[in-house]
Amino acid sequence: MQVSVRDNNVDQALRALKKKLQREGVYREMKLRRFYEKPSEKKAREQAAAVRRARKLERKRAERDGLLKR
């Protein structure tokens, strides 16, 4: 990953770097790896995330098709 520093503005480059790291999910992965996670806990977390993604996708489809009005 690379960020260029323009006009000696390190603060702006640092902000851009942090934004890129956040988009890539580096901070989330660092948080997860801070402590050991049992395989059963990891599986449960991943399954819960999959359920959330599926429900969100289903809501978006229903909203797009006009079945659900917000």
C-alpha atoms as a PDB file:
ATOM      1  CA  MET A   1       0.000   0.000   0.000  1.00  0.00           C
ATOM      2  CA  GLN A   2       1.361   3.373  -0.927  1.00  0.00           C
ATOM      3  CA  VAL A   3       0.386   6.975  -0.205  1.00  0.00           C
ATOM      4  CA  SER A   4       2.170   9.933  -1.721  1.00  0.00           C
ATOM      5  CA  VAL A   5       2.984  13.031   0.343  1.00  0.00           C
ATOM      6  CA  ARG A   6       2.194  16.209  -1.561  1.00  0.00           C
ATOM      7  CA  ASP A   7       3.604  19.621  -0.654  1.00  0.00           C
ATOM      8  CA  ASN A   8       5.194  18.206   2.502  1.00  0.00           C
ATOM      9  CA  ASN A   9       1.703  17.672   3.964  1.00  0.00           C
ATOM     10  CA  VAL A  10       2.215  14.575   6.093  1.00  0.00           C
ATOM     11  CA  ASP A  11      -1.069  14.964   7.990  1.00  0.00           C
ATOM     12  CA  GLN A  12      -3.113  14.695   4.803  1.00  0.00           C
ATOM     13  CA  ALA A  13      -1.102  11.655   3.664  1.00  0.00           C
ATOM     14  CA  LEU A  14      -1.597  10.015   7.059  1.00  0.00           C
ATOM     15  CA  ARG A  15      -5.357  10.547   6.830  1.00  0.00           C
ATOM     16  CA  ALA A  16      -5.366   8.999   3.354  1.00  0.00           C
ATOM     17  CA  LEU A  17      -3.365   6.015   4.628  1.00  0.00           C
ATOM     18  CA  LYS A  18      -5.726   5.455   7.548  1.00  0.00           C
ATOM     19  CA  LYS A  19      -8.717   5.585   5.206  1.00  0.00           C
ATOM     20  CA  LYS A  20      -7.111   3.018   2.877  1.00  0.00           C
ATOM     21  CA  LEU A  21      -6.277   0.715   5.794  1.00  0.00           C
ATOM     22  CA  GLN A  22      -9.836   0.938   7.068  1.00  0.00           C
ATOM     23  CA  ARG A  23     -11.292   0.141   3.645  1.00  0.00           C
ATOM     24  CA  GLU A  24      -9.037  -2.906   3.359  1.00  0.00           C
ATOM     25  CA  GLY A  25     -10.191  -4.165   6.763  1.00  0.00           C
ATOM     26  CA  VAL A  26      -6.737  -4.093   8.376  1.00  0.00           C
ATOM     27  CA  TYR A  27      -7.982  -2.559  11.617  1.00  0.00           C
ATOM     28  CA  ARG A  28     -10.769  -5.133  11.923  1.00  0.00           C
ATOM     29  CA  GLU A  29      -8.318  -7.972  11.378  1.00  0.00           C
ATOM     30  CA  MET A  30      -5.858  -6.541  13.914  1.00  0.00           C
ATOM     31  CA  LYS A  31      -8.664  -6.376  16.466  1.00  0.00           C
ATOM     32  CA  LEU A  32      -9.645  -9.988  15.774  1.00  0.00           C
ATOM     33  CA  ARG A  33      -6.068 -11.228  16.035  1.00  0.00           C
ATOM     34  CA  ARG A  34      -5.340  -9.418  19.292  1.00  0.00           C
ATOM     35  CA  PHE A  35      -6.634 -12.397  21.300  1.00  0.00           C
ATOM     36  CA  TYR A  36      -6.987 -16.069  20.501  1.00  0.00           C
ATOM     37  CA  GLU A  37     -10.391 -17.016  19.170  1.00  0.00           C
ATOM     38  CA  LYS A  38     -11.580 -20.587  19.596  1.00  0.00           C
ATOM     39  CA  PRO A  39     -12.541 -22.303  16.333  1.00  0.00           C
ATOM     40  CA  SER A  40     -16.140 -22.695  17.541  1.00  0.00           C
ATOM     41  CA  GLU A  41     -16.342 -18.954  18.307  1.00  0.00           C
ATOM     42  CA  LYS A  42     -14.872 -18.115  14.906  1.00  0.00           C
ATOM     43  CA  LYS A  43     -17.396 -20.367  13.174  1.00  0.00           C
ATOM     44  CA  ALA A  44     -20.301 -18.819  15.116  1.00  0.00           C
ATOM     45  CA  ARG A  45     -19.088 -15.289  14.317  1.00  0.00           C
ATOM     46  CA  GLU A  46     -18.726 -16.053  10.612  1.00  0.00           C
ATOM     47  CA  GLN A  47     -22.151 -17.715  10.461  1.00  0.00           C
ATOM     48  CA  ALA A  48     -23.757 -14.726  12.192  1.00  0.00           C
ATOM     49  CA  ALA A  49     -22.090 -12.390   9.686  1.00  0.00           C
ATOM     50  CA  ALA A  50     -23.377 -14.520   6.804  1.00  0.00           C
ATOM     51  CA  VAL A  51     -26.919 -14.353   8.220  1.00  0.00           C
ATOM     52  CA  ARG A  52     -26.666 -10.564   8.554  1.00  0.00           C
ATOM     53  CA  ARG A  53     -25.423 -10.244   4.956  1.00  0.00           C
ATOM     54  CA  ALA A  54     -28.231 -12.484   3.652  1.00  0.00           C
ATOM     55  CA  ARG A  55     -30.909 -10.548   5.537  1.00  0.00           C
ATOM     56  CA  LYS A  56     -29.520  -7.234   4.332  1.00  0.00           C
ATOM     57  CA  LEU A  57     -29.467  -8.465   0.729  1.00  0.00           C
ATOM     58  CA  GLU A  58     -33.043  -9.741   1.059  1.00  0.00           C
ATOM     59  CA  ARG A  59     -34.171  -6.359   2.479  1.00  0.00           C
ATOM     60  CA  LYS A  60     -32.528  -4.534  -0.406  1.00  0.00           C
ATOM     61  CA  ARG A  61     -34.151  -6.847  -2.960  1.00  0.00           C
ATOM     62  CA  ALA A  62     -37.575  -6.417  -1.371  1.00  0.00           C
ATOM     63  CA  GLU A  63     -37.156  -2.649  -1.241  1.00  0.00           C
ATOM     64  CA  ARG A  64     -36.019  -2.554  -4.856  1.00  0.00           C
ATOM     65  CA  ASP A  65     -38.979  -4.661  -5.977  1.00  0.00           C
ATOM     66  CA  GLY A  66     -41.382  -2.376  -4.139  1.00  0.00           C
ATOM     67  CA  LEU A  67     -42.577  -4.950  -1.666  1.00  0.00           C
ATOM     68  CA  LEU A  68     -41.228  -3.099   1.332  1.00  0.00           C
ATOM     69  CA  LYS A  69     -41.703   0.625   1.739  1.00  0.00           C
ATOM     70  CA  ARG A  70     -39.488   2.550   4.136  1.00  0.00           C
END
